[in-house]
Amino acid sequence: MTTNSARPGYRRGHRSPAASVALHLTLIVASLIAAVPVAWVVLTSFKPNSTALSTEHLGRLSLQNYRDVIGQGFGHWMLNSAIVAAGTMVFGVFIAATAGYAVSRMRFPGARPLMWLFLLVQMFPMAVLIVPLFVLLKDLHLLNNLLGLVPVYATTAVPFCAWMLKGYFDGIPTAIDEAGRIDGLSMFGTFWRLIVPLARPGLAVTGFYTFLTSWGEVAYASQFLQSPDKYTLPVGMQTFVNEYVDEWGPLAAGSVLIIVPAAAVFFLVQRHLVSGLTAGAAKS
């Protein structure tokens, strides 16, 4: 049997010129497929609304769509979305971190069923969960309330984040916990003062995921928010498309503006993303 190492001219870790060309062509094509729709939206945001879906008037680009969007309450929608996303990020990451730490460090009945229950919750489609969540929010008097969306979005984010953080906490030596106990720290004090600083990459990844989960969500928000003054960004942008008029220019401009806060959060946590993702994937 002939192995690769015995093949003439073969060296482990060496890529032939043909393989390098094929690899780079594949990466270029994949990049174009991913970038073209985004570039088309950005171009549409600068075109007159009457020619938004055509290639006409490419030379008449302007900022009029952005002025129209900002003049129709975009700032208020963005503030509402920021409140919901920040609340969901803080609440969801805290619940997921404490749950993941408890399952990682403690041995109690129901620990494994709890984690499997998290996976089971993730299997339910969003459309099925709207009715029970609507009833719960109505009973709690949280319908048409921005704070009501925080626990709703947490139900989506917490299962994934808890699994990921459990894997991350498993990789932190238990000797650190024992040292904290010897120094007189409580269980929560050990978690908060010693473990959380060491788990910052994992917390950054789950925080970013939780932020994105709530920032662009539209199905729950459109059902649970009825007043225009409570609209979040995705719900507010629905007003640009109705049965009589399609305002593609303002809709594209709003889509571009929505990316800005998400990109800002990404740049804030990017140095933790790679280590956090690889650590969680390898240890879970």
Protein backbone atom coordinates (compact mmCIF):
# COMPACT_ATOMS: atom_id res chain seq x y z
CA MET A 1 0.00 0.00 0.00
CA THR A 2 1.43 3.36 -1.05
CA THR A 3 1.06 6.22 1.48
CA ASN A 4 1.10 9.96 0.76
CA SER A 5 4.49 10.29 2.43
CA ALA A 6 5.89 7.71 -0.01
CA ARG A 7 4.55 9.52 -3.07
CA PRO A 8 7.37 11.08 -5.15
CA GLY A 9 7.60 14.87 -4.75
CA TYR A 10 5.07 14.93 -1.91
CA ARG A 11 5.80 16.94 1.25
CA ARG A 12 3.47 17.17 4.22
CA GLY A 13 2.06 20.73 4.54
CA HIS A 14 3.10 21.64 0.98
CA ARG A 15 0.38 22.74 -1.48
CA SER A 16 0.88 22.42 -5.22
CA PRO A 17 0.46 25.52 -7.46
CA ALA A 18 -2.71 24.09 -9.01
CA ALA A 19 -4.22 23.46 -5.58
CA SER A 20 -3.34 27.00 -4.47
CA VAL A 21 -4.99 28.50 -7.57
CA ALA A 22 -8.12 26.39 -7.05
CA LEU A 23 -8.25 27.35 -3.38
CA HIS A 24 -7.93 31.07 -4.07
CA LEU A 25 -10.51 30.95 -6.88
CA THR A 26 -12.94 29.22 -4.53
CA LEU A 27 -12.37 31.83 -1.83
CA ILE A 28 -12.82 34.70 -4.32
CA VAL A 29 -16.09 33.23 -5.65
CA ALA A 30 -17.38 32.61 -2.11
CA SER A 31 -16.47 36.18 -1.10
CA LEU A 32 -18.26 37.62 -4.14
CA ILE A 33 -21.38 35.55 -3.44
CA ALA A 34 -21.43 36.87 0.13
CA ALA A 35 -20.58 40.49 -0.74
CA VAL A 36 -22.73 41.13 -3.83
CA PRO A 37 -26.14 41.24 -2.04
CA VAL A 38 -24.74 43.59 0.62
CA ALA A 39 -23.14 45.82 -2.04
CA TRP A 40 -26.46 45.90 -3.95
CA VAL A 41 -28.32 47.04 -0.81
CA VAL A 42 -25.73 49.77 -0.17
CA LEU A 43 -26.00 50.95 -3.80
CA THR A 44 -29.81 50.93 -3.64
CA SER A 45 -29.71 53.09 -0.52
CA PHE A 46 -28.13 55.92 -2.56
CA LYS A 47 -30.43 55.65 -5.60
CA PRO A 48 -33.75 57.43 -6.17
CA ASN A 49 -36.66 55.32 -4.95
CA SER A 50 -38.24 55.27 -8.45
CA THR A 51 -35.20 53.45 -9.89
CA ALA A 52 -34.28 51.37 -6.85
CA LEU A 53 -34.80 48.02 -8.63
CA SER A 54 -33.14 48.96 -11.91
CA THR A 55 -29.68 49.95 -13.09
CA GLU A 56 -30.86 53.36 -14.28
CA HIS A 57 -29.63 56.65 -12.83
CA LEU A 58 -26.51 55.15 -11.31
CA GLY A 59 -24.94 58.57 -11.70
CA ARG A 60 -27.64 60.31 -9.65
CA LEU A 61 -26.72 58.97 -6.23
CA SER A 62 -27.64 61.02 -3.16
CA LEU A 63 -28.23 60.87 0.59
CA GLN A 64 -31.96 61.65 0.24
CA ASN A 65 -33.03 58.14 1.36
CA TYR A 66 -30.98 58.49 4.55
CA ARG A 67 -32.52 61.91 5.27
CA ASP A 68 -36.02 60.44 4.73
CA VAL A 69 -35.34 57.49 7.05
CA ILE A 70 -33.90 59.63 9.85
CA GLY A 71 -36.85 62.02 9.52
CA GLN A 72 -39.39 59.22 10.04
CA GLY A 73 -38.42 58.26 13.58
CA PHE A 74 -35.40 56.09 12.88
CA GLY A 75 -33.55 57.48 15.92
CA HIS A 76 -36.45 56.55 18.22
CA TRP A 77 -36.61 53.02 16.78
CA MET A 78 -32.86 52.65 17.23
CA LEU A 79 -33.10 53.76 20.87
CA ASN A 80 -35.84 51.17 21.50
CA SER A 81 -33.76 48.45 19.84
CA ALA A 82 -30.69 49.46 21.86
CA ILE A 83 -32.67 49.21 25.12
CA VAL A 84 -34.00 45.75 24.22
CA ALA A 85 -30.67 44.44 22.88
CA ALA A 86 -28.64 45.74 25.84
CA GLY A 87 -31.17 44.38 28.34
CA THR A 88 -31.24 40.99 26.62
CA MET A 89 -27.45 40.85 26.46
CA VAL A 90 -26.99 41.57 30.18
CA PHE A 91 -29.89 39.41 31.37
CA GLY A 92 -29.28 36.52 28.97
CA VAL A 93 -25.51 36.28 29.53
CA PHE A 94 -25.95 36.45 33.32
CA ILE A 95 -28.53 33.64 33.33
CA ALA A 96 -26.51 31.53 30.89
CA ALA A 97 -23.24 32.07 32.79
CA THR A 98 -24.67 31.15 36.19
CA ALA A 99 -26.45 28.10 34.72
CA GLY A 100 -23.34 26.96 32.85
CA TYR A 101 -21.14 27.45 35.92
CA ALA A 102 -23.56 25.55 38.16
CA VAL A 103 -23.71 22.56 35.80
CA SER A 104 -19.94 22.65 35.30
CA ARG A 105 -19.01 22.74 39.01
CA MET A 106 -21.90 21.26 40.99
CA ARG A 107 -23.26 17.74 41.07
CA PHE A 108 -27.00 17.85 41.67
CA PRO A 109 -29.99 15.81 40.50
CA GLY A 110 -31.31 17.05 37.18
CA ALA A 111 -28.09 18.65 35.92
CA ARG A 112 -27.90 16.63 32.71
CA PRO A 113 -31.69 16.78 32.05
CA LEU A 114 -31.42 20.57 32.46
CA MET A 115 -28.87 20.82 29.64
CA TRP A 116 -30.88 18.48 27.43
CA LEU A 117 -33.96 20.58 28.15
CA PHE A 118 -32.05 23.58 26.80
CA LEU A 119 -31.48 21.69 23.56
CA LEU A 120 -35.13 20.62 23.42
CA VAL A 121 -36.28 24.25 23.74
CA GLN A 122 -34.09 25.19 20.78
CA MET A 123 -35.95 22.68 18.57
CA PHE A 124 -39.30 24.48 18.78
CA PRO A 125 -39.98 26.79 15.82
CA MET A 126 -40.56 30.43 16.66
CA ALA A 127 -44.09 30.43 15.21
CA VAL A 128 -45.16 27.78 17.74
CA LEU A 129 -43.83 29.78 20.70
CA ILE A 130 -45.53 33.07 19.82
CA VAL A 131 -48.96 32.11 21.24
CA PRO A 132 -47.80 30.87 24.70
CA LEU A 133 -45.39 33.80 25.03
CA PHE A 134 -48.18 36.19 24.08
CA VAL A 135 -50.40 34.77 26.84
CA LEU A 136 -47.58 34.95 29.39
CA LEU A 137 -46.76 38.56 28.55
CA LYS A 138 -50.43 39.48 28.70
CA ASP A 139 -50.80 37.93 32.17
CA LEU A 140 -47.67 39.77 33.32
CA HIS A 141 -48.91 43.07 31.81
CA LEU A 142 -45.79 43.24 29.64
CA LEU A 143 -47.48 43.38 26.23
CA ASN A 144 -46.47 46.45 24.21
CA ASN A 145 -43.60 46.92 26.65
CA LEU A 146 -39.94 46.97 25.64
CA LEU A 147 -38.90 45.19 28.83
CA GLY A 148 -41.27 42.34 27.95
CA LEU A 149 -39.11 41.49 24.93
CA VAL A 150 -36.02 40.94 27.12
CA PRO A 151 -37.12 37.59 28.66
CA VAL A 152 -38.68 36.60 25.33
CA TYR A 153 -35.37 36.96 23.49
CA ALA A 154 -33.54 35.37 26.42
CA THR A 155 -35.51 32.16 25.82
CA THR A 156 -33.80 31.96 22.43
CA ALA A 157 -30.29 32.96 23.49
CA VAL A 158 -29.84 31.32 26.91
CA PRO A 159 -29.83 27.62 25.79
CA PHE A 160 -27.03 28.12 23.26
CA CYS A 161 -25.05 30.42 25.58
CA ALA A 162 -25.39 28.04 28.56
CA TRP A 163 -24.01 25.13 26.54
CA MET A 164 -21.13 27.19 25.25
CA LEU A 165 -20.21 28.68 28.63
CA LYS A 166 -20.40 25.28 30.33
CA GLY A 167 -17.74 24.06 27.93
CA TYR A 168 -15.66 27.14 28.67
CA PHE A 169 -15.99 26.77 32.46
CA ASP A 170 -15.01 23.09 32.17
CA GLY A 171 -11.65 24.26 30.86
CA ILE A 172 -10.91 26.46 33.90
CA PRO A 173 -9.10 24.48 36.63
CA THR A 174 -11.20 23.72 39.71
CA ALA A 175 -8.13 24.58 41.84
CA ILE A 176 -9.04 28.23 41.32
CA ASP A 177 -12.42 27.62 42.93
CA GLU A 178 -10.78 25.80 45.84
CA ALA A 179 -8.33 28.67 46.33
CA GLY A 180 -11.22 31.12 46.45
CA ARG A 181 -13.00 29.03 49.09
CA ILE A 182 -9.84 28.91 51.21
CA ASP A 183 -9.67 32.71 51.01
CA GLY A 184 -13.20 32.90 52.39
CA LEU A 185 -15.17 33.61 49.22
CA SER A 186 -18.69 32.28 48.83
CA MET A 187 -19.75 30.21 45.82
CA PHE A 188 -21.08 33.27 44.02
CA GLY A 189 -18.08 35.35 45.14
CA THR A 190 -15.73 32.77 43.62
CA PHE A 191 -17.72 32.79 40.40
CA TRP A 192 -17.93 36.58 40.17
CA ARG A 193 -14.44 37.59 41.31
CA LEU A 194 -12.29 34.72 40.02
CA ILE A 195 -14.07 32.78 37.26
CA VAL A 196 -15.80 35.57 35.35
CA PRO A 197 -12.54 37.48 34.60
CA LEU A 198 -10.98 34.27 33.26
CA ALA A 199 -14.03 33.55 31.09
CA ARG A 200 -14.11 36.92 29.34
CA PRO A 201 -13.56 35.46 25.82
CA GLY A 202 -16.52 33.10 26.25
CA LEU A 203 -18.66 35.86 27.73
CA ALA A 204 -17.75 38.16 24.84
CA VAL A 205 -18.87 35.58 22.27
CA THR A 206 -22.15 34.84 24.02
CA GLY A 207 -22.76 38.55 24.58
CA PHE A 208 -22.26 39.25 20.88
CA TYR A 209 -24.54 36.36 19.92
CA THR A 210 -27.23 37.54 22.35
CA PHE A 211 -26.99 41.10 21.04
CA LEU A 212 -27.45 39.98 17.43
CA THR A 213 -30.33 37.68 18.40
CA SER A 214 -32.36 40.59 19.73
CA TRP A 215 -31.07 43.40 17.50
CA GLY A 216 -32.53 42.20 14.20
CA GLU A 217 -35.45 40.08 15.41
CA VAL A 218 -38.81 40.95 13.87
CA ALA A 219 -41.29 38.08 14.43
CA TYR A 220 -41.74 38.47 18.19
CA ALA A 221 -41.41 42.25 18.12
CA SER A 222 -44.08 42.69 15.45
CA GLN A 223 -46.54 40.58 17.47
CA PHE A 224 -45.85 41.95 20.96
CA LEU A 225 -45.46 45.68 20.16
CA GLN A 226 -48.52 47.53 18.90
CA SER A 227 -47.79 51.24 19.49
CA PRO A 228 -45.60 53.07 16.93
CA ASP A 229 -43.69 54.73 19.79
CA LYS A 230 -42.63 51.25 20.98
CA TYR A 231 -41.43 50.00 17.60
CA THR A 232 -37.93 48.57 17.36
CA LEU A 233 -35.85 48.99 14.21
CA PRO A 234 -37.06 45.90 12.27
CA VAL A 235 -40.71 46.62 13.11
CA GLY A 236 -40.37 50.31 12.23
CA MET A 237 -38.82 49.47 8.88
CA GLN A 238 -41.88 47.42 7.98
CA THR A 239 -43.70 50.72 7.55
CA PHE A 240 -41.67 51.31 4.37
CA VAL A 241 -43.38 48.36 2.67
CA ASN A 242 -47.18 48.19 2.46
CA GLU A 243 -49.81 46.99 0.02
CA TYR A 244 -49.79 50.23 -1.98
CA VAL A 245 -46.21 51.55 -1.99
CA ASP A 246 -42.79 49.88 -1.74
CA GLU A 247 -40.16 52.36 -0.58
CA TRP A 248 -37.08 50.30 -1.42
CA GLY A 249 -34.68 53.24 -1.19
CA PRO A 250 -35.49 54.15 2.45
CA LEU A 251 -35.71 50.45 3.31
CA ALA A 252 -32.18 49.89 1.98
CA ALA A 253 -30.90 53.00 3.76
CA GLY A 254 -32.39 51.78 7.04
CA SER A 255 -30.79 48.36 6.52
CA VAL A 256 -27.38 49.98 6.12
CA LEU A 257 -27.85 52.07 9.25
CA ILE A 258 -28.88 49.00 11.26
CA ILE A 259 -25.53 47.37 10.50
CA VAL A 260 -23.55 50.18 12.18
CA PRO A 261 -24.30 49.35 15.87
CA ALA A 262 -23.86 45.61 15.24
CA ALA A 263 -20.49 46.29 13.58
CA ALA A 264 -19.48 48.51 16.53
CA VAL A 265 -20.25 45.70 19.01
CA PHE A 266 -18.31 43.27 16.81
CA PHE A 267 -15.20 45.48 16.83
CA LEU A 268 -15.44 45.85 20.60
CA VAL A 269 -15.39 42.09 21.22
CA GLN A 270 -13.49 40.84 18.17
CA ARG A 271 -10.24 40.18 20.04
CA HIS A 272 -12.09 37.71 22.26
CA LEU A 273 -14.17 36.08 19.51
CA VAL A 274 -11.63 33.65 18.06
CA SER A 275 -10.36 32.37 21.40
CA GLY A 276 -13.89 32.22 22.80
CA LEU A 277 -15.33 30.32 19.86
CA THR A 278 -12.48 27.81 19.60
CA ALA A 279 -12.39 27.23 23.36
CA GLY A 280 -16.13 26.63 23.57
CA ALA A 281 -16.11 24.35 20.54
CA ALA A 282 -13.20 22.24 21.78
CA LYS A 283 -14.32 21.82 25.38
CA SER A 284 -18.09 21.43 25.09
